[in-house]
PDB file of N, CA and C in Angstrom:
ATOM      1  N   MET A   1       0.826  -1.201  -0.021  1.00  0.00           N
ATOM      2  CA  MET A   1      -0.060   0.231   0.236  1.00  0.00           C
ATOM      3  C   MET A   1       0.937   1.375  -0.108  1.00  0.00           C
ATOM      4  N   ASN A   2       0.790   1.817  -0.883  1.00  0.00           N
ATOM      5  CA  ASN A   2       1.450   3.297  -1.131  1.00  0.00           C
ATOM      6  C   ASN A   2       0.797   4.628  -0.391  1.00  0.00           C
ATOM      7  N   LYS A   3      -0.630   4.388  -0.317  1.00  0.00           N
ATOM      8  CA  LYS A   3      -1.478   5.460   0.205  1.00  0.00           C
ATOM      9  C   LYS A   3      -1.316   5.784   1.896  1.00  0.00           C
ATOM     10  N   ALA A   4      -1.070   6.865   2.272  1.00  0.00           N
ATOM     11  CA  ALA A   4      -1.111   7.235   3.368  1.00  0.00           C
ATOM     12  C   ALA A   4      -2.300   7.401   4.140  1.00  0.00           C
ATOM     13  N   LEU A   5      -2.745   6.701   5.092  1.00  0.00           N
ATOM     14  CA  LEU A   5      -4.129   6.661   5.762  1.00  0.00           C
ATOM     15  C   LEU A   5      -4.121   7.478   7.003  1.00  0.00           C
ATOM     16  N   GLY A   6      -5.325   8.218   6.992  1.00  0.00           N
ATOM     17  CA  GLY A   6      -5.578   8.736   8.306  1.00  0.00           C
ATOM     18  C   GLY A   6      -5.516  10.061   8.269  1.00  0.00           C
ATOM     19  N   GLU A   7      -5.171  11.392   8.916  1.00  0.00           N
ATOM     20  CA  GLU A   7      -5.373  12.772   8.918  1.00  0.00           C
ATOM     21  C   GLU A   7      -4.082  13.410   9.446  1.00  0.00           C
ATOM     22  N   THR A   8      -3.617  14.438   9.037  1.00  0.00           N
ATOM     23  CA  THR A   8      -2.286  15.419   9.135  1.00  0.00           C
ATOM     24  C   THR A   8      -2.502  16.155  10.498  1.00  0.00           C
ATOM     25  N   GLN A   9      -3.661  15.994  11.723  1.00  0.00           N
ATOM     26  CA  GLN A   9      -3.748  16.723  12.625  1.00  0.00           C
ATOM     27  C   GLN A   9      -4.639  16.230  13.568  1.00  0.00           C
ATOM     28  N   TRP A  10      -4.477  15.534  14.749  1.00  0.00           N
ATOM     29  CA  TRP A  10      -5.012  15.047  15.833  1.00  0.00           C
ATOM     30  C   TRP A  10      -4.954  15.355  17.061  1.00  0.00           C
ATOM     31  N   VAL A  11      -5.988  15.334  17.922  1.00  0.00           N
ATOM     32  CA  VAL A  11      -6.026  15.956  19.318  1.00  0.00           C
ATOM     33  C   VAL A  11      -6.348  14.851  20.381  1.00  0.00           C
ATOM     34  N   ILE A  12      -5.557  14.994  21.412  1.00  0.00           N
ATOM     35  CA  ILE A  12      -5.930  14.214  22.635  1.00  0.00           C
ATOM     36  C   ILE A  12      -6.064  15.081  23.701  1.00  0.00           C
ATOM     37  N   PRO A  13      -7.294  15.220  24.086  1.00  0.00           N
ATOM     38  CA  PRO A  13      -7.673  16.541  25.038  1.00  0.00           C
ATOM     39  C   PRO A  13      -7.335  16.023  26.366  1.00  0.00           C
ATOM     40  N   ASP A  14      -7.416  14.734  26.712  1.00  0.00           N
ATOM     41  CA  ASP A  14      -6.962  14.589  28.167  1.00  0.00           C
ATOM     42  C   ASP A  14      -6.032  13.545  28.526  1.00  0.00           C
ATOM     43  N   GLY A  15      -4.820  14.510  28.770  1.00  0.00           N
ATOM     44  CA  GLY A  15      -3.519  13.685  29.197  1.00  0.00           C
ATOM     45  C   GLY A  15      -3.419  13.933  30.815  1.00  0.00           C
ATOM     46  N   TYR A  16      -2.775  12.927  31.628  1.00  0.00           N
ATOM     47  CA  TYR A  16      -2.284  12.978  33.031  1.00  0.00           C
ATOM     48  C   TYR A  16      -1.345  11.902  33.181  1.00  0.00           C
ATOM     49  N   ILE A  17      -0.065  12.255  33.855  1.00  0.00           N
ATOM     50  CA  ILE A  17       0.611  11.118  34.133  1.00  0.00           C
ATOM     51  C   ILE A  17       0.776  11.261  35.852  1.00  0.00           C
ATOM     52  N   PRO A  18       0.333  10.135  36.390  1.00  0.00           N
ATOM     53  CA  PRO A  18       0.250  10.031  37.794  1.00  0.00           C
ATOM     54  C   PRO A  18       1.696  10.138  38.366  1.00  0.00           C
ATOM     55  N   SER A  19       1.488  10.857  39.738  1.00  0.00           N
ATOM     56  CA  SER A  19       3.106  11.320  40.036  1.00  0.00           C
ATOM     57  C   SER A  19       3.403   9.749  41.108  1.00  0.00           C
ATOM     58  N   GLU A  20       2.544   8.903  41.354  1.00  0.00           N
ATOM     59  CA  GLU A  20       2.565   7.799  42.199  1.00  0.00           C
ATOM     60  C   GLU A  20       2.161   6.464  41.231  1.00  0.00           C
ATOM     61  N   SER A  21       3.031   5.322  41.794  1.00  0.00           N
ATOM     62  CA  SER A  21       2.349   3.979  41.103  1.00  0.00           C
ATOM     63  C   SER A  21       2.162   2.971  42.130  1.00  0.00           C
ATOM     64  N   SER A  22       1.749   2.128  42.011  1.00  0.00           N
ATOM     65  CA  SER A  22       1.927   0.854  42.992  1.00  0.00           C
ATOM     66  C   SER A  22       2.588  -0.613  42.014  1.00  0.00           C
ATOM     67  N   GLY A  23       2.806  -1.490  42.991  1.00  0.00           N
ATOM     68  CA  GLY A  23       3.438  -2.635  42.180  1.00  0.00           C
ATOM     69  C   GLY A  23       4.613  -2.001  41.244  1.00  0.00           C
ATOM     70  N   GLU A  24       4.980  -3.085  40.674  1.00  0.00           N
ATOM     71  CA  GLU A  24       5.863  -3.344  39.621  1.00  0.00           C
ATOM     72  C   GLU A  24       5.709  -2.430  38.613  1.00  0.00           C
ATOM     73  N   LEU A  25       4.349  -2.207  37.845  1.00  0.00           N
ATOM     74  CA  LEU A  25       4.314  -1.502  36.572  1.00  0.00           C
ATOM     75  C   LEU A  25       3.902   0.056  37.038  1.00  0.00           C
ATOM     76  N   VAL A  26       4.601   0.973  36.458  1.00  0.00           N
ATOM     77  CA  VAL A  26       4.744   2.144  36.299  1.00  0.00           C
ATOM     78  C   VAL A  26       3.398   2.936  35.501  1.00  0.00           C
ATOM     79  N   SER A  27       2.757   3.671  35.890  1.00  0.00           N
ATOM     80  CA  SER A  27       1.692   4.306  35.193  1.00  0.00           C
ATOM     81  C   SER A  27       2.284   5.142  33.983  1.00  0.00           C
ATOM     82  N   HIS A  28       1.803   5.092  32.914  1.00  0.00           N
ATOM     83  CA  HIS A  28       2.220   5.776  31.667  1.00  0.00           C
ATOM     84  C   HIS A  28       1.457   5.913  30.615  1.00  0.00           C
ATOM     85  N   GLU A  29       1.712   7.043  29.597  1.00  0.00           N
ATOM     86  CA  GLU A  29       0.653   7.193  28.773  1.00  0.00           C
ATOM     87  C   GLU A  29       1.681   6.983  27.466  1.00  0.00           C
ATOM     88  N   SER A  30       1.073   6.788  26.171  1.00  0.00           N
ATOM     89  CA  SER A  30       1.606   6.453  25.119  1.00  0.00           C
ATOM     90  C   SER A  30       0.984   7.128  23.662  1.00  0.00           C
ATOM     91  N   ILE A  31       1.425   8.129  22.852  1.00  0.00           N
ATOM     92  CA  ILE A  31       0.905   8.067  21.913  1.00  0.00           C
ATOM     93  C   ILE A  31       1.175   7.172  20.604  1.00  0.00           C
ATOM     94  N   CYS A  32       0.237   6.318  20.161  1.00  0.00           N
ATOM     95  CA  CYS A  32       0.388   5.503  19.191  1.00  0.00           C
ATOM     96  C   CYS A  32       0.416   5.836  17.650  1.00  0.00           C
ATOM     97  N   VAL A  33       1.544   5.814  16.709  1.00  0.00           N
ATOM     98  CA  VAL A  33       1.468   6.609  15.717  1.00  0.00           C
ATOM     99  C   VAL A  33       1.546   5.308  14.600  1.00  0.00           C
ATOM    100  N   LEU A  34       0.462   5.266  13.473  1.00  0.00           N
ATOM    101  CA  LEU A  34       1.050   4.394  12.379  1.00  0.00           C
ATOM    102  C   LEU A  34       1.054   5.064  10.955  1.00  0.00           C
ATOM    103  N   ASN A  35       2.025   4.807  10.305  1.00  0.00           N
ATOM    104  CA  ASN A  35       2.430   5.508   8.945  1.00  0.00           C
ATOM    105  C   ASN A  35       2.377   4.482   8.343  1.00  0.00           C
ATOM    106  N   THR A  36       1.296   4.421   7.341  1.00  0.00           N
ATOM    107  CA  THR A  36       1.234   3.247   6.149  1.00  0.00           C
ATOM    108  C   THR A  36       1.766   3.722   4.919  1.00  0.00           C
ATOM    109  N   SER A  37       2.167   5.093   4.788  1.00  0.00           N
ATOM    110  CA  SER A  37       2.713   5.598   3.672  1.00  0.00           C
ATOM    111  C   SER A  37       4.178   5.141   3.377  1.00  0.00           C
ATOM    112  N   VAL A  38       4.919   5.378   1.960  1.00  0.00           N
ATOM    113  CA  VAL A  38       6.093   4.863   1.519  1.00  0.00           C
ATOM    114  C   VAL A  38       7.027   6.350   2.066  1.00  0.00           C
ATOM    115  N   GLU A  39       6.390   7.273   2.625  1.00  0.00           N
ATOM    116  CA  GLU A  39       7.138   8.377   3.064  1.00  0.00           C
ATOM    117  C   GLU A  39       7.453   8.388   4.752  1.00  0.00           C
ATOM    118  N   ASP A  40       8.429   8.852   5.082  1.00  0.00           N
ATOM    119  CA  ASP A  40       8.481   9.162   6.450  1.00  0.00           C
ATOM    120  C   ASP A  40       7.509  10.092   7.075  1.00  0.00           C
ATOM    121  N   ALA A  41       6.915  10.157   8.049  1.00  0.00           N
ATOM    122  CA  ALA A  41       6.047  10.904   8.682  1.00  0.00           C
ATOM    123  C   ALA A  41       6.935  11.887   9.401  1.00  0.00           C
ATOM    124  N   GLU A  42       6.630  13.291   9.352  1.00  0.00           N
ATOM    125  CA  GLU A  42       7.727  14.256  10.235  1.00  0.00           C
ATOM    126  C   GLU A  42       6.807  14.913  11.151  1.00  0.00           C
ATOM    127  N   LEU A  43       6.608  14.485  12.649  1.00  0.00           N
ATOM    128  CA  LEU A  43       5.603  15.007  13.319  1.00  0.00           C
ATOM    129  C   LEU A  43       6.230  16.186  14.456  1.00  0.00           C
ATOM    130  N   SER A  44       5.195  16.854  14.620  1.00  0.00           N
ATOM    131  CA  SER A  44       5.171  18.585  15.413  1.00  0.00           C
ATOM    132  C   SER A  44       4.443  18.298  16.696  1.00  0.00           C
ATOM    133  N   ILE A  45       4.785  17.894  17.648  1.00  0.00           N
ATOM    134  CA  ILE A  45       3.877  17.653  18.945  1.00  0.00           C
ATOM    135  C   ILE A  45       3.836  19.154  19.448  1.00  0.00           C
ATOM    136  N   THR A  46       2.713  19.249  20.505  1.00  0.00           N
ATOM    137  CA  THR A  46       2.421  20.323  20.849  1.00  0.00           C
ATOM    138  C   THR A  46       1.938  20.080  22.316  1.00  0.00           C
ATOM    139  N   ILE A  47       2.363  20.311  23.479  1.00  0.00           N
ATOM    140  CA  ILE A  47       1.795  19.971  24.765  1.00  0.00           C
ATOM    141  C   ILE A  47       1.054  21.099  25.299  1.00  0.00           C
ATOM    142  N   TYR A  48      -0.309  21.279  25.830  1.00  0.00           N
ATOM    143  CA  TYR A  48      -0.921  22.210  26.454  1.00  0.00           C
ATOM    144  C   TYR A  48      -1.334  21.790  27.893  1.00  0.00           C
ATOM    145  N   PHE A  49      -1.364  23.214  28.893  1.00  0.00           N
ATOM    146  CA  PHE A  49      -1.415  22.955  30.073  1.00  0.00           C
ATOM    147  C   PHE A  49      -2.833  24.090  30.119  1.00  0.00           C
ATOM    148  N   GLU A  50      -3.263  23.755  31.595  1.00  0.00           N
ATOM    149  CA  GLU A  50      -4.105  24.704  32.073  1.00  0.00           C
ATOM    150  C   GLU A  50      -3.721  25.884  32.559  1.00  0.00           C
ATOM    151  N   ASP A  51      -2.557  25.798  33.079  1.00  0.00           N
ATOM    152  CA  ASP A  51      -2.012  27.117  34.116  1.00  0.00           C
ATOM    153  C   ASP A  51      -0.722  27.732  33.287  1.00  0.00           C
ATOM    154  N   ARG A  52      -0.149  27.189  32.114  1.00  0.00           N
ATOM    155  CA  ARG A  52       1.278  27.340  31.842  1.00  0.00           C
ATOM    156  C   ARG A  52       1.155  27.346  30.110  1.00  0.00           C
ATOM    157  N   ASN A  53       2.358  28.095  29.526  1.00  0.00           N
ATOM    158  CA  ASN A  53       2.338  27.968  28.374  1.00  0.00           C
ATOM    159  C   ASN A  53       2.762  26.839  27.908  1.00  0.00           C
ATOM    160  N   PRO A  54       2.140  26.328  26.355  1.00  0.00           N
ATOM    161  CA  PRO A  54       2.599  25.290  26.176  1.00  0.00           C
ATOM    162  C   PRO A  54       4.051  24.532  25.784  1.00  0.00           C
ATOM    163  N   ILE A  55       4.227  23.650  25.583  1.00  0.00           N
ATOM    164  CA  ILE A  55       5.747  22.856  25.042  1.00  0.00           C
ATOM    165  C   ILE A  55       5.368  22.584  23.792  1.00  0.00           C
ATOM    166  N   SER A  56       5.870  23.514  22.576  1.00  0.00           N
ATOM    167  CA  SER A  56       5.687  23.425  21.535  1.00  0.00           C
ATOM    168  C   SER A  56       6.853  22.708  20.568  1.00  0.00           C
ATOM    169  N   ASP A  57       6.394  22.256  19.422  1.00  0.00           N
ATOM    170  CA  ASP A  57       7.330  21.813  18.355  1.00  0.00           C
ATOM    171  C   ASP A  57       8.145  20.649  18.592  1.00  0.00           C
ATOM    172  N   ILE A  58       7.848  19.947  19.327  1.00  0.00           N
ATOM    173  CA  ILE A  58       8.582  18.589  19.808  1.00  0.00           C
ATOM    174  C   ILE A  58       8.702  17.783  18.618  1.00  0.00           C
ATOM    175  N   ARG A  59       9.565  17.424  18.054  1.00  0.00           N
ATOM    176  CA  ARG A  59      10.037  16.571  16.767  1.00  0.00           C
ATOM    177  C   ARG A  59      10.001  15.297  16.907  1.00  0.00           C
ATOM    178  N   TYR A  60       9.526  14.289  16.077  1.00  0.00           N
ATOM    179  CA  TYR A  60       9.606  12.787  15.825  1.00  0.00           C
ATOM    180  C   TYR A  60       9.348  12.431  14.542  1.00  0.00           C
ATOM    181  N   VAL A  61       9.996  11.474  14.087  1.00  0.00           N
ATOM    182  CA  VAL A  61       9.840  10.858  12.911  1.00  0.00           C
ATOM    183  C   VAL A  61       9.378   9.647  12.980  1.00  0.00           C
ATOM    184  N   VAL A  62       8.285   9.272  12.221  1.00  0.00           N
ATOM    185  CA  VAL A  62       8.052   7.654  12.304  1.00  0.00           C
ATOM    186  C   VAL A  62       8.295   7.230  10.649  1.00  0.00           C
ATOM    187  N   PRO A  63       9.315   6.383  10.625  1.00  0.00           N
ATOM    188  CA  PRO A  63       9.689   5.996   9.317  1.00  0.00           C
ATOM    189  C   PRO A  63       8.613   5.426   8.329  1.00  0.00           C
ATOM    190  N   ALA A  64       8.558   5.305   7.138  1.00  0.00           N
ATOM    191  CA  ALA A  64       7.550   4.720   6.202  1.00  0.00           C
ATOM    192  C   ALA A  64       7.218   3.472   6.657  1.00  0.00           C
ATOM    193  N   ARG A  65       5.661   3.394   6.423  1.00  0.00           N
ATOM    194  CA  ARG A  65       5.373   1.978   6.621  1.00  0.00           C
ATOM    195  C   ARG A  65       5.713   1.178   8.155  1.00  0.00           C
ATOM    196  N   ARG A  66       5.707   2.128   9.235  1.00  0.00           N
ATOM    197  CA  ARG A  66       5.866   1.714  10.530  1.00  0.00           C
ATOM    198  C   ARG A  66       4.913   2.148  11.297  1.00  0.00           C
ATOM    199  N   THR A  67       5.174   1.651  12.619  1.00  0.00           N
ATOM    200  CA  THR A  67       4.421   2.326  14.247  1.00  0.00           C
ATOM    201  C   THR A  67       5.599   2.949  14.713  1.00  0.00           C
ATOM    202  N   LYS A  68       5.136   3.694  15.798  1.00  0.00           N
ATOM    203  CA  LYS A  68       6.084   4.103  16.622  1.00  0.00           C
ATOM    204  C   LYS A  68       5.047   4.341  17.923  1.00  0.00           C
ATOM    205  N   HIS A  69       5.367   3.831  19.289  1.00  0.00           N
ATOM    206  CA  HIS A  69       4.841   4.166  20.369  1.00  0.00           C
ATOM    207  C   HIS A  69       5.885   5.276  21.244  1.00  0.00           C
ATOM    208  N   ILE A  70       5.087   6.161  21.681  1.00  0.00           N
ATOM    209  CA  ILE A  70       6.058   7.591  21.882  1.00  0.00           C
ATOM    210  C   ILE A  70       5.420   7.737  23.454  1.00  0.00           C
ATOM    211  N   ARG A  71       5.966   7.330  24.269  1.00  0.00           N
ATOM    212  CA  ARG A  71       5.809   7.885  25.863  1.00  0.00           C
ATOM    213  C   ARG A  71       5.716   9.276  26.087  1.00  0.00           C
ATOM    214  N   THR A  72       4.577   9.790  26.391  1.00  0.00           N
ATOM    215  CA  THR A  72       4.629  10.987  26.689  1.00  0.00           C
ATOM    216  C   THR A  72       5.583  11.148  28.002  1.00  0.00           C
ATOM    217  N   SER A  73       5.895  10.912  28.650  1.00  0.00           N
ATOM    218  CA  SER A  73       7.034  11.198  29.657  1.00  0.00           C
ATOM    219  C   SER A  73       8.321  11.487  28.987  1.00  0.00           C
ATOM    220  N   SER A  74       8.348  11.114  27.931  1.00  0.00           N
ATOM    221  CA  SER A  74       9.492  11.171  27.262  1.00  0.00           C
ATOM    222  C   SER A  74       9.650  12.453  26.220  1.00  0.00           C
ATOM    223  N   LEU A  75       8.636  13.303  26.052  1.00  0.00           N
ATOM    224  CA  LEU A  75       8.437  14.326  25.425  1.00  0.00           C
ATOM    225  C   LEU A  75       9.240  15.407  25.892  1.00  0.00           C
ATOM    226  N   GLU A  76      10.203  16.134  25.195  1.00  0.00           N
ATOM    227  CA  GLU A  76      10.867  16.862  25.850  1.00  0.00           C
ATOM    228  C   GLU A  76      11.041  17.936  24.837  1.00  0.00           C
ATOM    229  N   LYS A  77      11.476  19.323  25.100  1.00  0.00           N
ATOM    230  CA  LYS A  77      11.958  20.209  24.334  1.00  0.00           C
ATOM    231  C   LYS A  77      12.643  21.447  25.113  1.00  0.00           C
ATOM    232  N   ASN A  78      13.663  21.441  24.892  1.00  0.00           N
ATOM    233  CA  ASN A  78      14.792  22.177  25.598  1.00  0.00           C
ATOM    234  C   ASN A  78      14.754  22.209  27.081  1.00  0.00           C
ATOM    235  N   SER A  79      14.895  20.694  27.379  1.00  0.00           N
ATOM    236  CA  SER A  79      14.960  20.085  28.693  1.00  0.00           C
ATOM    237  C   SER A  79      13.449  20.656  29.457  1.00  0.00           C
ATOM    238  N   GLU A  80      12.640  20.855  28.837  1.00  0.00           N
ATOM    239  CA  GLU A  80      11.269  21.355  29.537  1.00  0.00           C
ATOM    240  C   GLU A  80      10.488  19.701  29.187  1.00  0.00           C
ATOM    241  N   PHE A  81      10.210  19.248  30.092  1.00  0.00           N
ATOM    242  CA  PHE A  81       8.892  17.967  29.967  1.00  0.00           C
ATOM    243  C   PHE A  81       7.625  18.215  30.608  1.00  0.00           C
ATOM    244  N   ILE A  82       6.955  17.082  30.516  1.00  0.00           N
ATOM    245  CA  ILE A  82       5.768  17.306  31.133  1.00  0.00           C
ATOM    246  C   ILE A  82       5.718  16.808  32.401  1.00  0.00           C
ATOM    247  N   PRO A  83       5.236  17.627  33.439  1.00  0.00           N
ATOM    248  CA  PRO A  83       5.440  17.298  34.745  1.00  0.00           C
ATOM    249  C   PRO A  83       4.192  16.111  34.861  1.00  0.00           C
ATOM    250  N   VAL A  84       4.636  15.364  36.096  1.00  0.00           N
ATOM    251  CA  VAL A  84       3.818  14.380  36.641  1.00  0.00           C
ATOM    252  C   VAL A  84       2.704  15.235  37.666  1.00  0.00           C
ATOM    253  N   GLY A  85       1.391  14.434  37.670  1.00  0.00           N
ATOM    254  CA  GLY A  85       0.525  15.172  38.448  1.00  0.00           C
ATOM    255  C   GLY A  85      -0.215  16.394  37.610  1.00  0.00           C
ATOM    256  N   VAL A  86       0.005  16.588  36.497  1.00  0.00           N
ATOM    257  CA  VAL A  86      -0.539  17.801  35.909  1.00  0.00           C
ATOM    258  C   VAL A  86      -1.137  17.809  34.801  1.00  0.00           C
ATOM    259  N   PRO A  87      -2.555  17.789  34.516  1.00  0.00           N
ATOM    260  CA  PRO A  87      -3.367  17.781  33.558  1.00  0.00           C
ATOM    261  C   PRO A  87      -2.735  18.305  32.009  1.00  0.00           C
ATOM    262  N   TYR A  88      -3.017  17.536  31.378  1.00  0.00           N
ATOM    263  CA  TYR A  88      -2.467  18.281  29.711  1.00  0.00           C
ATOM    264  C   TYR A  88      -3.072  17.568  28.317  1.00  0.00           C
ATOM    265  N   ALA A  89      -2.758  18.480  27.354  1.00  0.00           N
ATOM    266  CA  ALA A  89      -3.544  18.020  26.077  1.00  0.00           C
ATOM    267  C   ALA A  89      -2.489  17.893  25.088  1.00  0.00           C
ATOM    268  N   ILE A  90      -2.877  16.944  23.903  1.00  0.00           N
ATOM    269  CA  ILE A  90      -1.758  16.968  23.099  1.00  0.00           C
ATOM    270  C   ILE A  90      -2.156  17.108  21.820  1.00  0.00           C
ATOM    271  N   LEU A  91      -1.428  17.918  20.664  1.00  0.00           N
ATOM    272  CA  LEU A  91      -1.784  18.074  19.413  1.00  0.00           C
ATOM    273  C   LEU A  91      -0.571  17.346  18.707  1.00  0.00           C
ATOM    274  N   VAL A  92      -1.128  16.645  17.866  1.00  0.00           N
ATOM    275  CA  VAL A  92      -0.081  16.001  16.633  1.00  0.00           C
ATOM    276  C   VAL A  92      -0.182  16.184  15.522  1.00  0.00           C
ATOM    277  N   GLU A  93       0.718  16.953  14.801  1.00  0.00           N
ATOM    278  CA  GLU A  93       0.677  17.563  13.587  1.00  0.00           C
ATOM    279  C   GLU A  93       1.891  16.796  12.524  1.00  0.00           C
ATOM    280  N   SER A  94       1.184  16.003  11.825  1.00  0.00           N
ATOM    281  CA  SER A  94       2.210  15.402  10.789  1.00  0.00           C
ATOM    282  C   SER A  94       2.306  15.973   9.080  1.00  0.00           C
ATOM    283  N   SER A  95       3.466  15.732   8.642  1.00  0.00           N
ATOM    284  CA  SER A  95       3.789  16.005   7.154  1.00  0.00           C
ATOM    285  C   SER A  95       2.743  15.172   6.364  1.00  0.00           C
ATOM    286  N   ILE A  96       2.493  14.290   7.048  1.00  0.00           N
ATOM    287  CA  ILE A  96       1.438  13.284   5.883  1.00  0.00           C
ATOM    288  C   ILE A  96       0.683  12.707   6.527  1.00  0.00           C
ATOM    289  N   PRO A  97      -0.784  12.315   6.328  1.00  0.00           N
ATOM    290  CA  PRO A  97      -1.615  11.425   6.782  1.00  0.00           C
ATOM    291  C   PRO A  97      -0.841  10.291   7.578  1.00  0.00           C
ATOM    292  N   ILE A  98      -1.507  10.295   8.961  1.00  0.00           N
ATOM    293  CA  ILE A  98      -1.305   8.937   9.926  1.00  0.00           C
ATOM    294  C   ILE A  98      -2.360   8.650  10.302  1.00  0.00           C
ATOM    295  N   VAL A  99      -2.375   7.975  11.248  1.00  0.00           N
ATOM    296  CA  VAL A  99      -3.212   7.300  12.305  1.00  0.00           C
ATOM    297  C   VAL A  99      -2.788   7.447  13.613  1.00  0.00           C
ATOM    298  N   VAL A 100      -3.427   8.179  14.650  1.00  0.00           N
ATOM    299  CA  VAL A 100      -2.953   8.153  16.080  1.00  0.00           C
ATOM    300  C   VAL A 100      -3.903   7.804  17.014  1.00  0.00           C
ATOM    301  N   GLN A 101      -3.468   6.512  17.948  1.00  0.00           N
ATOM    302  CA  GLN A 101      -4.210   6.191  19.132  1.00  0.00           C
ATOM    303  C   GLN A 101      -3.429   6.531  20.160  1.00  0.00           C
ATOM    304  N   TYR A 102      -4.480   6.575  21.380  1.00  0.00           N
ATOM    305  CA  TYR A 102      -3.583   7.199  22.612  1.00  0.00           C
ATOM    306  C   TYR A 102      -3.780   6.097  24.088  1.00  0.00           C
ATOM    307  N   SER A 103      -2.772   5.710  24.592  1.00  0.00           N
ATOM    308  CA  SER A 103      -3.001   4.574  25.667  1.00  0.00           C
ATOM    309  C   SER A 103      -2.656   5.124  27.047  1.00  0.00           C
ATOM    310  N   ARG A 104      -3.145   4.845  28.013  1.00  0.00           N
ATOM    311  CA  ARG A 104      -3.030   4.926  29.249  1.00  0.00           C
ATOM    312  C   ARG A 104      -2.743   3.576  30.256  1.00  0.00           C
ATOM    313  N   LEU A 105      -1.828   3.517  30.827  1.00  0.00           N
ATOM    314  CA  LEU A 105      -1.517   2.358  31.834  1.00  0.00           C
ATOM    315  C   LEU A 105      -1.792   3.099  33.382  1.00  0.00           C
ATOM    316  N   ASP A 106      -2.783   2.920  33.908  1.00  0.00           N
ATOM    317  CA  ASP A 106      -3.084   3.467  35.427  1.00  0.00           C
ATOM    318  C   ASP A 106      -2.675   2.435  36.307  1.00  0.00           C
ATOM    319  N   SER A 107      -1.517   2.303  36.802  1.00  0.00           N
ATOM    320  CA  SER A 107      -1.416   1.354  38.128  1.00  0.00           C
ATOM    321  C   SER A 107      -1.215   2.350  39.383  1.00  0.00           C
ATOM    322  N   THR A 108      -1.819   3.325  39.458  1.00  0.00           N
ATOM    323  CA  THR A 108      -2.067   3.805  41.052  1.00  0.00           C
ATOM    324  C   THR A 108      -2.587   2.997  42.041  1.00  0.00           C
ATOM    325  N   GLN A 109      -3.390   1.900  41.785  1.00  0.00           N
ATOM    326  CA  GLN A 109      -3.973   1.034  42.300  1.00  0.00           C
ATOM    327  C   GLN A 109      -3.268  -0.571  42.243  1.00  0.00           C
ATOM    328  N   ALA A 110      -3.656  -1.107  43.107  1.00  0.00           N
ATOM    329  CA  ALA A 110      -3.112  -2.790  42.897  1.00  0.00           C
ATOM    330  C   ALA A 110      -4.119  -3.233  41.696  1.00  0.00           C
ATOM    331  N   GLU A 111      -5.315  -2.606  41.477  1.00  0.00           N
ATOM    332  CA  GLU A 111      -5.856  -3.200  40.111  1.00  0.00           C
ATOM    333  C   GLU A 111      -5.595  -2.217  39.142  1.00  0.00           C
ATOM    334  N   ASN A 112      -4.381  -2.629  38.542  1.00  0.00           N
ATOM    335  CA  ASN A 112      -4.016  -1.855  36.926  1.00  0.00           C
ATOM    336  C   ASN A 112      -5.394  -1.583  36.214  1.00  0.00           C
ATOM    337  N   ALA A 113      -5.430  -0.514  35.299  1.00  0.00           N
ATOM    338  CA  ALA A 113      -6.367  -0.249  34.658  1.00  0.00           C
ATOM    339  C   ALA A 113      -5.565   0.236  33.086  1.00  0.00           C
ATOM    340  N   LEU A 114      -6.040  -0.562  31.785  1.00  0.00           N
ATOM    341  CA  LEU A 114      -5.357   0.253  30.733  1.00  0.00           C
ATOM    342  C   LEU A 114      -6.332   0.724  29.941  1.00  0.00           C
ATOM    343  N   MET A 115      -6.402   1.700  29.456  1.00  0.00           N
ATOM    344  CA  MET A 115      -7.414   2.308  28.845  1.00  0.00           C
ATOM    345  C   MET A 115      -6.576   2.917  27.294  1.00  0.00           C
ATOM    346  N   SER A 116      -7.487   2.456  26.139  1.00  0.00           N
ATOM    347  CA  SER A 116      -6.692   2.840  24.823  1.00  0.00           C
ATOM    348  C   SER A 116      -7.954   3.498  24.171  1.00  0.00           C
ATOM    349  N   THR A 117      -7.859   4.662  23.461  1.00  0.00           N
ATOM    350  CA  THR A 117      -8.742   5.344  22.309  1.00  0.00           C
ATOM    351  C   THR A 117      -8.031   5.907  21.121  1.00  0.00           C
ATOM    352  N   MET A 118      -8.856   6.317  20.408  1.00  0.00           N
ATOM    353  CA  MET A 118      -8.580   6.885  18.985  1.00  0.00           C
ATOM    354  C   MET A 118      -8.512   8.353  19.342  1.00  0.00           C
ATOM    355  N   ALA A 119      -7.275   9.101  18.985  1.00  0.00           N
ATOM    356  CA  ALA A 119      -7.216  10.257  18.942  1.00  0.00           C
ATOM    357  C   ALA A 119      -8.583  10.801  18.151  1.00  0.00           C
ATOM    358  N   PHE A 120      -8.746  12.290  18.383  1.00  0.00           N
ATOM    359  CA  PHE A 120      -9.802  12.815  17.885  1.00  0.00           C
ATOM    360  C   PHE A 120      -9.202  13.302  16.255  1.00  0.00           C
ATOM    361  N   PRO A 121      -9.379  13.118  15.051  1.00  0.00           N
ATOM    362  CA  PRO A 121      -8.648  13.467  13.839  1.00  0.00           C
ATOM    363  C   PRO A 121      -9.165  15.127  13.489  1.00  0.00           C
ATOM    364  N   CYS A 122      -8.528  15.970  12.957  1.00  0.00           N
ATOM    365  CA  CYS A 122      -9.114  17.097  12.961  1.00  0.00           C
ATOM    366  C   CYS A 122      -8.831  17.315  10.959  1.00  0.00           C
ATOM    367  N   LYS A 123      -9.294  18.038  10.494  1.00  0.00           N
ATOM    368  CA  LYS A 123      -9.297  18.468   9.054  1.00  0.00           C
ATOM    369  C   LYS A 123      -8.846  19.925   8.988  1.00  0.00           C
TER     370      LYS A 123
END
């Protein structure tokens, strides 16, 4: 398949990295990106907060015909990271159409919860 499936802009309005975890698993969130194209997808990610300026233009490349799982705790721009215990939202912009899914592992309690949902595609 040579066609790039998806959209070039995706929004994830509900992000939150818990400050504590229980047991062996650490709570985390991931942006899961699928690139079906024969071209690399150049991503620009912006993190929005309730009470501070965004972290803008975080760059990633998803190679052609590949998937990439990007942990939100690894997103960094100029030594600025997403703080734990703070709500945030994500805008993913791509040079070509991609598909974006969002996953969260919540291990704040002994009964772990795994949630996954499609991001909101924008046109």
